[in-house]
Protein backbone atom coordinates (compact mmCIF):
# COMPACT_ATOMS: atom_id res chain seq x y z
CA MET A 1 -19.90 -31.65 -21.31
CA SER A 2 -16.90 -31.05 -23.55
CA ASN A 3 -14.12 -28.51 -23.04
CA CYS A 4 -15.79 -26.18 -25.55
CA ASP A 5 -18.99 -25.86 -23.48
CA THR A 6 -17.58 -23.47 -20.87
CA ILE A 7 -19.07 -20.00 -20.63
CA LEU A 8 -15.92 -17.87 -20.20
CA PHE A 9 -12.90 -18.30 -22.41
CA PRO A 10 -13.65 -21.64 -23.98
CA PRO A 11 -10.36 -23.36 -24.84
CA CYS A 12 -11.47 -24.19 -28.37
CA SER A 13 -11.99 -20.51 -29.27
CA LEU A 14 -8.66 -19.34 -27.77
CA ARG A 15 -6.49 -22.13 -29.05
CA HIS A 16 -4.75 -20.08 -31.75
CA LYS A 17 -5.03 -16.61 -30.19
CA ILE A 18 -2.03 -14.60 -28.97
CA ALA A 19 -2.18 -11.70 -26.51
CA VAL A 20 -0.01 -8.76 -27.52
CA PHE A 21 0.87 -5.77 -25.33
CA VAL A 22 2.13 -2.68 -27.11
CA PRO A 23 3.05 0.14 -24.67
CA ASN A 24 2.81 3.87 -25.44
CA LYS A 25 0.60 3.54 -28.50
CA THR A 26 -2.34 5.66 -27.30
CA ALA A 27 -2.46 9.43 -26.94
CA TYR A 28 -2.90 9.08 -23.18
CA GLU A 29 0.31 7.08 -22.72
CA ASP A 30 2.52 9.27 -24.88
CA SER A 31 3.91 11.78 -22.38
CA LEU A 32 7.53 12.13 -23.36
CA PRO A 33 8.97 15.66 -23.40
CA GLY A 34 8.23 17.37 -26.67
CA SER A 35 5.23 15.18 -27.50
CA GLU A 36 1.84 16.56 -28.44
CA HIS A 37 0.14 14.97 -25.43
CA ASP A 38 2.10 15.97 -22.36
CA ASN A 39 -0.74 15.09 -19.97
CA LEU A 40 1.06 12.80 -17.51
CA ARG A 41 3.63 15.30 -16.29
CA LEU A 42 2.98 16.87 -12.89
CA ASP A 43 4.16 20.24 -11.67
CA GLN A 44 6.96 20.10 -9.07
CA SER A 45 4.81 21.97 -6.53
CA ILE A 46 2.14 19.26 -6.75
CA LEU A 47 4.77 16.59 -6.15
CA ARG A 48 6.22 18.51 -3.18
CA ASP A 49 2.77 19.01 -1.66
CA ALA A 50 1.89 15.34 -2.09
CA THR A 51 5.19 14.28 -0.54
CA GLY A 52 4.56 16.62 2.40
CA ILE A 53 1.11 15.12 2.96
CA VAL A 54 2.49 11.59 2.94
CA VAL A 55 5.31 12.51 5.34
CA ARG A 56 2.88 14.23 7.76
CA ARG A 57 0.53 11.23 7.73
CA ARG A 58 3.39 8.86 8.45
CA GLN A 59 4.60 11.06 11.30
CA GLU A 60 1.09 11.15 12.79
CA GLU A 61 0.76 7.38 12.47
CA ASP A 62 4.18 6.87 14.05
CA ALA A 63 3.30 9.19 16.95
CA ALA A 64 0.06 7.27 17.56
CA ARG A 65 1.94 3.94 17.49
CA LEU A 66 4.53 5.27 19.92
CA GLN A 67 1.78 6.35 22.32
CA GLU A 68 0.21 2.89 22.15
CA ILE A 69 3.57 1.23 22.79
CA GLU A 70 4.29 3.59 25.68
CA GLY A 71 0.89 2.80 27.24
CA ALA A 72 1.49 -0.94 26.86
CA LEU A 73 4.96 -0.67 28.42
CA LYS A 74 3.58 1.30 31.37
CA LEU A 75 0.93 -1.37 31.91
CA VAL A 76 3.53 -4.15 31.78
CA ALA A 77 5.73 -2.27 34.27
CA LYS A 78 2.77 -1.76 36.60
CA GLN A 79 1.87 -5.46 36.40
CA ASN A 80 5.49 -6.48 37.03
CA ASN A 81 5.67 -4.23 40.08
CA HIS A 82 2.42 -5.73 41.39
CA ILE A 83 3.76 -9.27 40.93
CA ILE A 84 7.00 -8.33 42.72
CA GLU A 85 5.01 -6.91 45.63
CA LEU A 86 2.91 -10.07 45.85
CA LEU A 87 6.04 -12.23 45.84
CA LYS A 88 7.61 -10.12 48.62
CA LYS A 89 4.46 -10.51 50.76
CA ASP A 90 4.61 -14.31 50.45
CA ARG A 91 8.12 -14.48 51.97
């Protein structure tokens, strides 16, 4: 089997090809102020609402994590107290 017998992207067919990226050449990418297609600009209220949602979610996640940590610390403290009591009994 030669190098040109591969199914995807055979090297012999891509040998002299060059990939070119040209930004902002379609109507959907052209969203500068004053352009005909101003479709990528969002209203400030939408941005504020989205930011508020993200902040609330993070606060909820942080509160849940803090509760988990608090529960784990209480368990560790309880276990430590139990170990101390067992050590005192052995004396």
